[in-house]
Amino acid sequence: MVNSRKRPITILKTLNANIFTRVLYKINFSSKKDNPLLLDIDLLKEETKKDLLYICSQNLEKAYAGLFERRNPSTYMDVKGEAIFLNLIKVTGEDFLTKQYGCCLKINTKRLERSLYTKHLLNDLKILFQVPFYALLDPQAAQFKTIYYPIYTYASESFLEALVDNLIIEIANCVLYFAIVNFSFLYTFRQTLYRSKFLSLRNFERFKNNLIWQLRIRIYITKPTDLYNSRYKIYLLRTNGIDSRIIYANRSNQISSLTKVSLLTITLIELSDFLKSRLDEAIFFLTKALRFTLTTVIGQFIGLVWRGIIEGLKK
């Protein structure tokens, strides 16, 4: 268990503030995307996207700061982590929609919890939301090392910032995914928030279908593959745009909790590896046998021809 006394509360607050100050700078500098990744927030107007990311950052900072004040923050996170994270998504969505429409809007918690993107993030609650918090309390927290050691021996400030970047972008995507599925049938909603190219119902529906398809691929194919390969894809906020990076992360204990469809992906990977190895062996032995046969036959043939020539010359 993380010892919350590893860092005094003043140092925790300062570190937290420093990280989120840099995050806000990157959001304000540029939130354009610098790669071909398809993100939910790509649907938003540029300023609206910045507003959403800014609200995500503010609310996440408040959530972490509030946990620091508790007597046993790590224990509280262990017990209440899922409820805190779900509430964080809910409050962020309400703050964002309220700012855009100028009136108080409430999100149904049960409906939010049933959202496919929310379920996906809750399944990754530990690595996504809890581990960065534990690492803020203690850079060498056991929860951090269990996942990232030995590639990352401790949680440096830059690494923590990368994890916070990823968390903010995932919360923003989750909020917008919920809005897309539940509110986008209203033209005024699309008119207020979305980029002009998505005012067309056809363009919007195509984008929405691509998002849903991409999310299902991510859940049933990409995630089990990443678990099996001990890797984790994170999104990064940079001054020149949103980027992504693959990092090492040991989450093999999660494989047993995967659905049957996801486990099928791992089974197919294992089968592919097995067949590839057997095919490589078969090709090696065939090549060796062919080389031996050709060497023997051709050698004997050349020997017979040469002896025939010698015999002919003797005559």
C-alpha atoms as a PDB file:
ATOM      1  CA  MET A   1       0.000   0.000   0.000  1.00  0.00           C
ATOM      2  CA  VAL A   2       1.225   3.512  -0.792  1.00  0.00           C
ATOM      3  CA  ASN A   3       2.385   5.519   2.212  1.00  0.00           C
ATOM      4  CA  SER A   4       0.863   8.959   1.787  1.00  0.00           C
ATOM      5  CA  ARG A   5       3.602  10.413   4.032  1.00  0.00           C
ATOM      6  CA  LYS A   6       6.276   9.686   1.420  1.00  0.00           C
ATOM      7  CA  ARG A   7       5.748  13.276   0.217  1.00  0.00           C
ATOM      8  CA  PRO A   8       4.515  16.125   2.439  1.00  0.00           C
ATOM      9  CA  ILE A   9       1.165  17.602   1.399  1.00  0.00           C
ATOM     10  CA  THR A  10       2.804  20.911   0.360  1.00  0.00           C
ATOM     11  CA  ILE A  11       5.143  19.093  -2.037  1.00  0.00           C
ATOM     12  CA  LEU A  12       2.226  17.079  -3.438  1.00  0.00           C
ATOM     13  CA  LYS A  13       0.223  20.236  -4.060  1.00  0.00           C
ATOM     14  CA  THR A  14       3.179  21.956  -5.714  1.00  0.00           C
ATOM     15  CA  LEU A  15       3.924  18.968  -7.952  1.00  0.00           C
ATOM     16  CA  ASN A  16       0.256  18.638  -8.836  1.00  0.00           C
ATOM     17  CA  ALA A  17       0.038  22.346  -9.672  1.00  0.00           C
ATOM     18  CA  ASN A  18       3.214  22.253 -11.776  1.00  0.00           C
ATOM     19  CA  ILE A  19       2.007  19.318 -13.849  1.00  0.00           C
ATOM     20  CA  PHE A  20      -1.428  20.794 -14.490  1.00  0.00           C
ATOM     21  CA  THR A  21       0.026  24.231 -15.262  1.00  0.00           C
ATOM     22  CA  ARG A  22       2.078  22.687 -18.056  1.00  0.00           C
ATOM     23  CA  VAL A  23      -0.952  20.720 -19.242  1.00  0.00           C
ATOM     24  CA  LEU A  24      -3.039  23.906 -19.449  1.00  0.00           C
ATOM     25  CA  TYR A  25      -0.257  25.613 -21.373  1.00  0.00           C
ATOM     26  CA  LYS A  26      -0.222  22.814 -23.946  1.00  0.00           C
ATOM     27  CA  ILE A  27      -4.022  22.939 -24.254  1.00  0.00           C
ATOM     28  CA  ASN A  28      -4.020  26.706 -24.819  1.00  0.00           C
ATOM     29  CA  PHE A  29      -1.074  26.613 -27.185  1.00  0.00           C
ATOM     30  CA  SER A  30      -2.504  24.081 -29.588  1.00  0.00           C
ATOM     31  CA  SER A  31      -5.104  21.324 -29.429  1.00  0.00           C
ATOM     32  CA  LYS A  32      -4.869  20.438 -33.102  1.00  0.00           C
ATOM     33  CA  LYS A  33      -4.151  16.823 -33.931  1.00  0.00           C
ATOM     34  CA  ASP A  34      -0.735  16.051 -35.332  1.00  0.00           C
ATOM     35  CA  ASN A  35      -1.417  12.481 -36.474  1.00  0.00           C
ATOM     36  CA  PRO A  36      -4.081  10.406 -38.292  1.00  0.00           C
ATOM     37  CA  LEU A  37      -5.692   9.097 -35.060  1.00  0.00           C
ATOM     38  CA  LEU A  38      -9.476   9.322 -34.967  1.00  0.00           C
ATOM     39  CA  LEU A  39     -10.589  10.929 -31.692  1.00  0.00           C
ATOM     40  CA  ASP A  40     -14.084  11.785 -30.499  1.00  0.00           C
ATOM     41  CA  ILE A  41     -13.050  15.366 -29.784  1.00  0.00           C
ATOM     42  CA  ASP A  42     -12.111  15.832 -33.456  1.00  0.00           C
ATOM     43  CA  LEU A  43     -15.814  16.496 -33.953  1.00  0.00           C
ATOM     44  CA  LEU A  44     -15.657  19.748 -31.979  1.00  0.00           C
ATOM     45  CA  LYS A  45     -14.872  23.266 -33.098  1.00  0.00           C
ATOM     46  CA  GLU A  46     -11.328  24.235 -32.163  1.00  0.00           C
ATOM     47  CA  GLU A  47     -12.251  26.593 -29.311  1.00  0.00           C
ATOM     48  CA  THR A  48     -14.904  24.195 -28.047  1.00  0.00           C
ATOM     49  CA  LYS A  49     -12.328  21.397 -27.968  1.00  0.00           C
ATOM     50  CA  LYS A  50      -9.992  23.570 -25.913  1.00  0.00           C
ATOM     51  CA  ASP A  51     -12.850  24.366 -23.518  1.00  0.00           C
ATOM     52  CA  LEU A  52     -13.563  20.670 -22.981  1.00  0.00           C
ATOM     53  CA  LEU A  53      -9.901  19.769 -22.411  1.00  0.00           C
ATOM     54  CA  TYR A  54      -9.533  22.734 -20.051  1.00  0.00           C
ATOM     55  CA  ILE A  55     -12.565  21.648 -17.990  1.00  0.00           C
ATOM     56  CA  CYS A  56     -11.239  18.055 -17.882  1.00  0.00           C
ATOM     57  CA  SER A  57      -7.892  19.310 -16.613  1.00  0.00           C
ATOM     58  CA  GLN A  58      -9.441  21.548 -13.953  1.00  0.00           C
ATOM     59  CA  ASN A  59     -11.773  18.868 -12.630  1.00  0.00           C
ATOM     60  CA  LEU A  60      -9.062  16.208 -12.563  1.00  0.00           C
ATOM     61  CA  GLU A  61      -6.751  18.535 -10.642  1.00  0.00           C
ATOM     62  CA  LYS A  62      -9.531  19.234  -8.126  1.00  0.00           C
ATOM     63  CA  ALA A  63     -10.257  15.508  -7.754  1.00  0.00           C
ATOM     64  CA  TYR A  64      -6.621  14.656  -7.041  1.00  0.00           C
ATOM     65  CA  ALA A  65      -6.173  17.665  -4.728  1.00  0.00           C
ATOM     66  CA  GLY A  66      -9.264  16.656  -2.769  1.00  0.00           C
ATOM     67  CA  LEU A  67      -7.889  13.159  -2.296  1.00  0.00           C
ATOM     68  CA  PHE A  68      -4.580  14.541  -1.002  1.00  0.00           C
ATOM     69  CA  GLU A  69      -6.463  16.149   1.891  1.00  0.00           C
ATOM     70  CA  ARG A  70      -7.811  12.841   3.190  1.00  0.00           C
ATOM     71  CA  ARG A  71      -6.162  11.039   6.077  1.00  0.00           C
ATOM     72  CA  ASN A  72      -5.455   7.881   4.060  1.00  0.00           C
ATOM     73  CA  PRO A  73      -5.730   8.962   0.412  1.00  0.00           C
ATOM     74  CA  SER A  74      -4.449   5.714  -1.091  1.00  0.00           C
ATOM     75  CA  THR A  75      -6.908   3.616   0.944  1.00  0.00           C
ATOM     76  CA  TYR A  76      -9.752   5.916  -0.024  1.00  0.00           C
ATOM     77  CA  MET A  77      -8.737   5.630  -3.684  1.00  0.00           C
ATOM     78  CA  ASP A  78      -8.697   1.826  -3.380  1.00  0.00           C
ATOM     79  CA  VAL A  79     -12.254   1.776  -2.037  1.00  0.00           C
ATOM     80  CA  LYS A  80     -13.886   4.705  -3.841  1.00  0.00           C
ATOM     81  CA  GLY A  81     -11.806   4.966  -7.007  1.00  0.00           C
ATOM     82  CA  GLU A  82     -14.529   3.840  -9.415  1.00  0.00           C
ATOM     83  CA  ALA A  83     -17.171   6.116  -7.883  1.00  0.00           C
ATOM     84  CA  ILE A  84     -14.774   9.093  -7.907  1.00  0.00           C
ATOM     85  CA  PHE A  85     -13.837   8.511 -11.526  1.00  0.00           C
ATOM     86  CA  LEU A  86     -17.442   8.083 -12.673  1.00  0.00           C
ATOM     87  CA  ASN A  87     -18.407  11.274 -10.848  1.00  0.00           C
ATOM     88  CA  LEU A  88     -15.446  13.048 -12.459  1.00  0.00           C
ATOM     89  CA  ILE A  89     -16.731  12.148 -15.941  1.00  0.00           C
ATOM     90  CA  LYS A  90     -20.275  13.177 -14.993  1.00  0.00           C
ATOM     91  CA  VAL A  91     -19.269  16.553 -13.518  1.00  0.00           C
ATOM     92  CA  THR A  92     -16.981  17.277 -16.465  1.00  0.00           C
ATOM     93  CA  GLY A  93     -19.788  16.575 -18.938  1.00  0.00           C
ATOM     94  CA  GLU A  94     -22.232  18.761 -17.004  1.00  0.00           C
ATOM     95  CA  ASP A  95     -19.729  21.641 -16.680  1.00  0.00           C
ATOM     96  CA  PHE A  96     -18.926  21.467 -20.388  1.00  0.00           C
ATOM     97  CA  LEU A  97     -22.553  21.417 -21.560  1.00  0.00           C
ATOM     98  CA  THR A  98     -23.546  24.113 -19.070  1.00  0.00           C
ATOM     99  CA  LYS A  99     -20.786  26.401 -20.338  1.00  0.00           C
ATOM    100  CA  GLN A 100     -21.785  25.865 -23.956  1.00  0.00           C
ATOM    101  CA  TYR A 101     -25.527  26.398 -23.420  1.00  0.00           C
ATOM    102  CA  GLY A 102     -25.540  28.842 -20.525  1.00  0.00           C
ATOM    103  CA  CYS A 103     -27.969  26.830 -18.404  1.00  0.00           C
ATOM    104  CA  CYS A 104     -27.503  24.048 -15.876  1.00  0.00           C
ATOM    105  CA  LEU A 105     -27.659  20.622 -17.519  1.00  0.00           C
ATOM    106  CA  LYS A 106     -27.600  17.306 -15.655  1.00  0.00           C
ATOM    107  CA  ILE A 107     -26.360  13.939 -16.932  1.00  0.00           C
ATOM    108  CA  ASN A 108     -28.098  10.738 -15.867  1.00  0.00           C
ATOM    109  CA  THR A 109     -25.504   8.703 -13.960  1.00  0.00           C
ATOM    110  CA  LYS A 110     -26.998   5.320 -14.849  1.00  0.00           C
ATOM    111  CA  ARG A 111     -27.083   6.168 -18.541  1.00  0.00           C
ATOM    112  CA  LEU A 112     -23.504   7.440 -18.383  1.00  0.00           C
ATOM    113  CA  GLU A 113     -22.404   4.239 -16.676  1.00  0.00           C
ATOM    114  CA  ARG A 114     -23.995   2.175 -19.466  1.00  0.00           C
ATOM    115  CA  SER A 115     -22.100   4.086 -22.165  1.00  0.00           C
ATOM    116  CA  LEU A 116     -19.656   1.822 -24.017  1.00  0.00           C
ATOM    117  CA  TYR A 117     -16.782   4.286 -23.666  1.00  0.00           C
ATOM    118  CA  THR A 118     -17.403   4.692 -19.928  1.00  0.00           C
ATOM    119  CA  LYS A 119     -17.375   0.911 -19.456  1.00  0.00           C
ATOM    120  CA  HIS A 120     -14.130   0.739 -21.398  1.00  0.00           C
ATOM    121  CA  LEU A 121     -12.464   3.363 -19.187  1.00  0.00           C
ATOM    122  CA  LEU A 122     -13.779   1.797 -15.973  1.00  0.00           C
ATOM    123  CA  ASN A 123     -12.194  -1.503 -17.031  1.00  0.00           C
ATOM    124  CA  ASP A 124      -8.872   0.367 -17.247  1.00  0.00           C
ATOM    125  CA  LEU A 125      -9.501   2.292 -14.023  1.00  0.00           C
ATOM    126  CA  LYS A 126      -6.301   1.194 -12.289  1.00  0.00           C
ATOM    127  CA  ILE A 127      -3.748   2.074 -14.963  1.00  0.00           C
ATOM    128  CA  LEU A 128      -5.680   5.085 -16.221  1.00  0.00           C
ATOM    129  CA  PHE A 129      -6.789   6.883 -13.038  1.00  0.00           C
ATOM    130  CA  GLN A 130      -5.470   5.214  -9.881  1.00  0.00           C
ATOM    131  CA  VAL A 131      -1.811   4.500 -10.697  1.00  0.00           C
ATOM    132  CA  PRO A 132      -0.979   8.146 -11.611  1.00  0.00           C
ATOM    133  CA  PHE A 133      -2.422   9.179  -8.250  1.00  0.00           C
ATOM    134  CA  TYR A 134      -0.432   6.555  -6.337  1.00  0.00           C
ATOM    135  CA  ALA A 135       2.700   7.680  -8.190  1.00  0.00           C
ATOM    136  CA  LEU A 136       2.054  11.297  -7.185  1.00  0.00           C
ATOM    137  CA  LEU A 137       1.978  10.154  -3.554  1.00  0.00           C
ATOM    138  CA  ASP A 138       5.120   8.077  -3.977  1.00  0.00           C
ATOM    139  CA  PRO A 139       7.260   7.913  -7.170  1.00  0.00           C
ATOM    140  CA  GLN A 140       8.236   4.329  -6.284  1.00  0.00           C
ATOM    141  CA  ALA A 141       4.761   3.155  -5.308  1.00  0.00           C
ATOM    142  CA  ALA A 142       4.238  -0.598  -5.487  1.00  0.00           C
ATOM    143  CA  GLN A 143       1.201  -0.125  -7.735  1.00  0.00           C
ATOM    144  CA  PHE A 144       3.355   1.838 -10.185  1.00  0.00           C
ATOM    145  CA  LYS A 145       6.208  -0.680 -10.178  1.00  0.00           C
ATOM    146  CA  THR A 146       3.853  -3.642 -10.617  1.00  0.00           C
ATOM    147  CA  ILE A 147       2.872  -2.255 -14.010  1.00  0.00           C
ATOM    148  CA  TYR A 148       5.874  -0.316 -15.306  1.00  0.00           C
ATOM    149  CA  TYR A 149       8.974  -1.894 -13.715  1.00  0.00           C
ATOM    150  CA  PRO A 150      11.706  -2.579 -14.901  1.00  0.00           C
ATOM    151  CA  ILE A 151      11.411  -0.245 -17.904  1.00  0.00           C
ATOM    152  CA  TYR A 152      10.367   2.616 -15.638  1.00  0.00           C
ATOM    153  CA  THR A 153      11.946   2.254 -12.194  1.00  0.00           C
ATOM    154  CA  TYR A 154      10.162   5.272 -10.718  1.00  0.00           C
ATOM    155  CA  ALA A 155       7.557   7.840 -11.711  1.00  0.00           C
ATOM    156  CA  SER A 156       9.430  10.878 -12.970  1.00  0.00           C
ATOM    157  CA  GLU A 157       7.600  14.181 -13.245  1.00  0.00           C
ATOM    158  CA  SER A 158       7.649  14.035 -17.055  1.00  0.00           C
ATOM    159  CA  PHE A 159       6.230  10.508 -17.018  1.00  0.00           C
ATOM    160  CA  LEU A 160       3.478  11.560 -14.601  1.00  0.00           C
ATOM    161  CA  GLU A 161       2.669  14.448 -16.911  1.00  0.00           C
ATOM    162  CA  ALA A 162       2.317  12.025 -19.832  1.00  0.00           C
ATOM    163  CA  LEU A 163      -0.089   9.866 -17.797  1.00  0.00           C
ATOM    164  CA  VAL A 164      -2.127  12.948 -16.875  1.00  0.00           C
ATOM    165  CA  ASP A 165      -2.217  14.000 -20.553  1.00  0.00           C
ATOM    166  CA  ASN A 166      -3.598  10.602 -21.473  1.00  0.00           C
ATOM    167  CA  LEU A 167      -6.193  10.674 -18.687  1.00  0.00           C
ATOM    168  CA  ILE A 168      -7.475  14.129 -19.675  1.00  0.00           C
ATOM    169  CA  ILE A 169      -7.848  13.170 -23.333  1.00  0.00           C
ATOM    170  CA  GLU A 170      -9.619   9.911 -22.437  1.00  0.00           C
ATOM    171  CA  ILE A 171     -12.097  11.734 -20.163  1.00  0.00           C
ATOM    172  CA  ALA A 172     -12.761  14.287 -22.919  1.00  0.00           C
ATOM    173  CA  ASN A 173     -13.346  11.489 -25.452  1.00  0.00           C
ATOM    174  CA  CYS A 174     -15.662   9.708 -23.008  1.00  0.00           C
ATOM    175  CA  VAL A 175     -17.734  12.850 -22.386  1.00  0.00           C
ATOM    176  CA  LEU A 176     -18.088  13.563 -26.080  1.00  0.00           C
ATOM    177  CA  TYR A 177     -18.872   9.943 -26.964  1.00  0.00           C
ATOM    178  CA  PHE A 178     -21.760  10.059 -24.491  1.00  0.00           C
ATOM    179  CA  ALA A 179     -22.946  13.351 -25.981  1.00  0.00           C
ATOM    180  CA  ILE A 180     -22.691  12.050 -29.549  1.00  0.00           C
ATOM    181  CA  VAL A 181     -24.780   8.967 -28.780  1.00  0.00           C
ATOM    182  CA  ASN A 182     -27.397  10.698 -26.621  1.00  0.00           C
ATOM    183  CA  PHE A 183     -27.803  14.297 -27.825  1.00  0.00           C
ATOM    184  CA  SER A 184     -26.690  14.569 -31.436  1.00  0.00           C
ATOM    185  CA  PHE A 185     -30.172  13.918 -32.836  1.00  0.00           C
ATOM    186  CA  LEU A 186     -30.783  17.603 -31.957  1.00  0.00           C
ATOM    187  CA  TYR A 187     -29.643  19.864 -34.779  1.00  0.00           C
ATOM    188  CA  THR A 188     -29.049  22.769 -32.384  1.00  0.00           C
ATOM    189  CA  PHE A 189     -26.626  20.567 -30.467  1.00  0.00           C
ATOM    190  CA  ARG A 190     -24.581  19.858 -33.580  1.00  0.00           C
ATOM    191  CA  GLN A 191     -24.858  23.486 -34.635  1.00  0.00           C
ATOM    192  CA  THR A 192     -23.451  24.739 -31.324  1.00  0.00           C
ATOM    193  CA  LEU A 193     -20.585  22.302 -30.797  1.00  0.00           C
ATOM    194  CA  TYR A 194     -19.511  20.603 -34.002  1.00  0.00           C
ATOM    195  CA  ARG A 195     -17.235  21.689 -36.808  1.00  0.00           C
ATOM    196  CA  SER A 196     -19.003  22.923 -39.921  1.00  0.00           C
ATOM    197  CA  LYS A 197     -18.257  19.790 -41.973  1.00  0.00           C
ATOM    198  CA  PHE A 198     -20.292  17.737 -39.483  1.00  0.00           C
ATOM    199  CA  LEU A 199     -23.447  19.827 -39.751  1.00  0.00           C
ATOM    200  CA  SER A 200     -24.358  17.511 -42.600  1.00  0.00           C
ATOM    201  CA  LEU A 201     -26.213  14.532 -41.131  1.00  0.00           C
ATOM    202  CA  ARG A 202     -24.476  12.205 -43.574  1.00  0.00           C
ATOM    203  CA  ASN A 203     -20.968  13.325 -42.554  1.00  0.00           C
ATOM    204  CA  PHE A 204     -21.884  13.196 -38.896  1.00  0.00           C
ATOM    205  CA  GLU A 205     -23.353   9.684 -39.073  1.00  0.00           C
ATOM    206  CA  ARG A 206     -20.315   8.440 -40.975  1.00  0.00           C
ATOM    207  CA  PHE A 207     -18.003   9.891 -38.317  1.00  0.00           C
ATOM    208  CA  LYS A 208     -20.167   8.452 -35.522  1.00  0.00           C
ATOM    209  CA  ASN A 209     -20.193   4.973 -37.077  1.00  0.00           C
ATOM    210  CA  ASN A 210     -16.417   5.089 -37.537  1.00  0.00           C
ATOM    211  CA  LEU A 211     -15.992   6.034 -33.872  1.00  0.00           C
ATOM    212  CA  ILE A 212     -18.210   3.205 -32.651  1.00  0.00           C
ATOM    213  CA  TRP A 213     -16.452   0.702 -34.923  1.00  0.00           C
ATOM    214  CA  GLN A 214     -13.022   1.927 -33.815  1.00  0.00           C
ATOM    215  CA  LEU A 215     -14.009   1.663 -30.143  1.00  0.00           C
ATOM    216  CA  ARG A 216     -15.202  -1.931 -30.542  1.00  0.00           C
ATOM    217  CA  ILE A 217     -11.969  -2.867 -32.330  1.00  0.00           C
ATOM    218  CA  ARG A 218     -10.064  -1.219 -29.499  1.00  0.00           C
ATOM    219  CA  ILE A 219     -11.993  -3.188 -26.855  1.00  0.00           C
ATOM    220  CA  TYR A 220     -12.068  -6.617 -28.506  1.00  0.00           C
ATOM    221  CA  ILE A 221      -8.851  -6.662 -30.561  1.00  0.00           C
ATOM    222  CA  THR A 222      -6.399  -3.895 -29.674  1.00  0.00           C
ATOM    223  CA  LYS A 223      -6.663  -4.120 -25.890  1.00  0.00           C
ATOM    224  CA  PRO A 224      -6.193  -7.929 -25.591  1.00  0.00           C
ATOM    225  CA  THR A 225      -3.304  -7.699 -28.048  1.00  0.00           C
ATOM    226  CA  ASP A 226      -1.693  -4.957 -25.960  1.00  0.00           C
ATOM    227  CA  LEU A 227      -2.233  -6.939 -22.744  1.00  0.00           C
ATOM    228  CA  TYR A 228      -0.608  -9.987 -24.321  1.00  0.00           C
ATOM    229  CA  ASN A 229       2.347  -7.910 -25.566  1.00  0.00           C
ATOM    230  CA  SER A 230       2.743  -5.945 -22.307  1.00  0.00           C
ATOM    231  CA  ARG A 231       2.233  -2.579 -23.903  1.00  0.00           C
ATOM    232  CA  TYR A 232      -0.059   0.408 -23.403  1.00  0.00           C
ATOM    233  CA  LYS A 233      -1.012   3.175 -25.803  1.00  0.00           C
ATOM    234  CA  ILE A 234      -1.268   6.664 -24.342  1.00  0.00           C
ATOM    235  CA  TYR A 235      -2.307   9.997 -25.836  1.00  0.00           C
ATOM    236  CA  LEU A 236      -0.034  12.984 -25.322  1.00  0.00           C
ATOM    237  CA  LEU A 237      -0.741  16.709 -25.341  1.00  0.00           C
ATOM    238  CA  ARG A 238       2.042  18.527 -27.145  1.00  0.00           C
ATOM    239  CA  THR A 239       2.448  22.137 -28.158  1.00  0.00           C
ATOM    240  CA  ASN A 240       2.162  21.052 -31.790  1.00  0.00           C
ATOM    241  CA  GLY A 241      -0.903  18.851 -31.244  1.00  0.00           C
ATOM    242  CA  ILE A 242      -2.228  15.604 -29.790  1.00  0.00           C
ATOM    243  CA  ASP A 243       0.023  12.624 -30.374  1.00  0.00           C
ATOM    244  CA  SER A 244       0.218   9.002 -29.202  1.00  0.00           C
ATOM    245  CA  ARG A 245       2.928   6.698 -27.914  1.00  0.00           C
ATOM    246  CA  ILE A 246       3.287   3.002 -27.081  1.00  0.00           C
ATOM    247  CA  ILE A 247       4.870   2.301 -23.674  1.00  0.00           C
ATOM    248  CA  TYR A 248       5.652  -0.827 -21.678  1.00  0.00           C
ATOM    249  CA  ALA A 249       2.980  -1.895 -19.163  1.00  0.00           C
ATOM    250  CA  ASN A 250       2.618  -5.285 -17.510  1.00  0.00           C
ATOM    251  CA  ARG A 251      -1.103  -6.027 -17.106  1.00  0.00           C
ATOM    252  CA  SER A 252      -1.083  -9.785 -17.635  1.00  0.00           C
ATOM    253  CA  ASN A 253      -3.331 -10.261 -14.588  1.00  0.00           C
ATOM    254  CA  GLN A 254      -6.159  -8.610 -16.541  1.00  0.00           C
ATOM    255  CA  ILE A 255      -6.170 -11.282 -19.235  1.00  0.00           C
ATOM    256  CA  SER A 256      -8.263 -13.645 -17.091  1.00  0.00           C
ATOM    257  CA  SER A 257     -10.998 -11.000 -16.798  1.00  0.00           C
ATOM    258  CA  LEU A 258     -11.383 -10.485 -20.554  1.00  0.00           C
ATOM    259  CA  THR A 259     -14.584 -11.393 -22.372  1.00  0.00           C
ATOM    260  CA  LYS A 260     -14.754 -14.498 -24.561  1.00  0.00           C
ATOM    261  CA  VAL A 261     -14.443 -12.408 -27.722  1.00  0.00           C
ATOM    262  CA  SER A 262     -11.304 -10.691 -26.402  1.00  0.00           C
ATOM    263  CA  LEU A 263      -9.833 -14.021 -25.287  1.00  0.00           C
ATOM    264  CA  LEU A 264     -10.453 -15.323 -28.805  1.00  0.00           C
ATOM    265  CA  THR A 265      -8.136 -12.581 -30.079  1.00  0.00           C
ATOM    266  CA  ILE A 266      -5.340 -13.830 -27.800  1.00  0.00           C
ATOM    267  CA  THR A 267      -6.030 -17.429 -28.860  1.00  0.00           C
ATOM    268  CA  LEU A 268      -5.702 -16.434 -32.513  1.00  0.00           C
ATOM    269  CA  ILE A 269      -2.422 -14.650 -31.765  1.00  0.00           C
ATOM    270  CA  GLU A 270      -1.068 -17.772 -30.045  1.00  0.00           C
ATOM    271  CA  LEU A 271      -2.237 -19.948 -32.946  1.00  0.00           C
ATOM    272  CA  SER A 272      -0.602 -17.579 -35.418  1.00  0.00           C
ATOM    273  CA  ASP A 273       2.683 -17.672 -33.467  1.00  0.00           C
ATOM    274  CA  PHE A 274       2.548 -21.492 -33.296  1.00  0.00           C
ATOM    275  CA  LEU A 275       1.827 -21.923 -37.009  1.00  0.00           C
ATOM    276  CA  LYS A 276       4.464 -19.372 -37.947  1.00  0.00           C
ATOM    277  CA  SER A 277       7.086 -21.230 -35.899  1.00  0.00           C
ATOM    278  CA  ARG A 278       6.125 -24.587 -37.415  1.00  0.00           C
ATOM    279  CA  LEU A 279       6.139 -23.059 -40.895  1.00  0.00           C
ATOM    280  CA  ASP A 280       9.598 -21.599 -40.314  1.00  0.00           C
ATOM    281  CA  GLU A 281      10.831 -25.029 -39.167  1.00  0.00           C
ATOM    282  CA  ALA A 282       9.272 -26.743 -42.185  1.00  0.00           C
ATOM    283  CA  ILE A 283      10.845 -24.237 -44.574  1.00  0.00           C
ATOM    284  CA  PHE A 284      14.233 -24.699 -42.875  1.00  0.00           C
ATOM    285  CA  PHE A 285      14.166 -28.492 -43.165  1.00  0.00           C
ATOM    286  CA  LEU A 286      12.871 -28.396 -46.750  1.00  0.00           C
ATOM    287  CA  THR A 287      15.569 -25.920 -47.703  1.00  0.00           C
ATOM    288  CA  LYS A 288      18.227 -28.070 -46.013  1.00  0.00           C
ATOM    289  CA  ALA A 289      16.946 -31.230 -47.714  1.00  0.00           C
ATOM    290  CA  LEU A 290      16.794 -29.496 -51.089  1.00  0.00           C
ATOM    291  CA  ARG A 291      20.322 -28.160 -50.680  1.00  0.00           C
ATOM    292  CA  PHE A 292      21.608 -31.622 -49.727  1.00  0.00           C
ATOM    293  CA  THR A 293      19.787 -33.279 -52.638  1.00  0.00           C
ATOM    294  CA  LEU A 294      20.942 -30.742 -55.193  1.00  0.00           C
ATOM    295  CA  THR A 295      24.502 -30.847 -53.896  1.00  0.00           C
ATOM    296  CA  THR A 296      24.614 -34.655 -54.013  1.00  0.00           C
ATOM    297  CA  VAL A 297      22.889 -35.112 -57.387  1.00  0.00           C
ATOM    298  CA  ILE A 298      24.635 -32.254 -59.149  1.00  0.00           C
ATOM    299  CA  GLY A 299      27.969 -33.271 -57.615  1.00  0.00           C
ATOM    300  CA  GLN A 300      27.599 -36.826 -58.859  1.00  0.00           C
ATOM    301  CA  PHE A 301      26.429 -35.614 -62.270  1.00  0.00           C
ATOM    302  CA  ILE A 302      29.406 -33.281 -62.631  1.00  0.00           C
ATOM    303  CA  GLY A 303      31.705 -36.084 -61.491  1.00  0.00           C
ATOM    304  CA  LEU A 304      30.317 -38.480 -64.159  1.00  0.00           C
ATOM    305  CA  VAL A 305      30.595 -35.832 -66.879  1.00  0.00           C
ATOM    306  CA  TRP A 306      34.165 -35.042 -65.858  1.00  0.00           C
ATOM    307  CA  ARG A 307      35.170 -38.709 -65.866  1.00  0.00           C
ATOM    308  CA  GLY A 308      33.566 -39.096 -69.281  1.00  0.00           C
ATOM    309  CA  ILE A 309      35.601 -36.193 -70.602  1.00  0.00           C
ATOM    310  CA  ILE A 310      38.806 -37.626 -69.159  1.00  0.00           C
ATOM    311  CA  GLU A 311      38.060 -41.050 -70.676  1.00  0.00           C
ATOM    312  CA  GLY A 312      37.348 -39.429 -74.047  1.00  0.00           C
ATOM    313  CA  LEU A 313      40.642 -37.567 -73.975  1.00  0.00           C
ATOM    314  CA  LYS A 314      42.554 -40.774 -73.226  1.00  0.00           C
ATOM    315  CA  LYS A 315      41.244 -42.351 -76.417  1.00  0.00           C
END
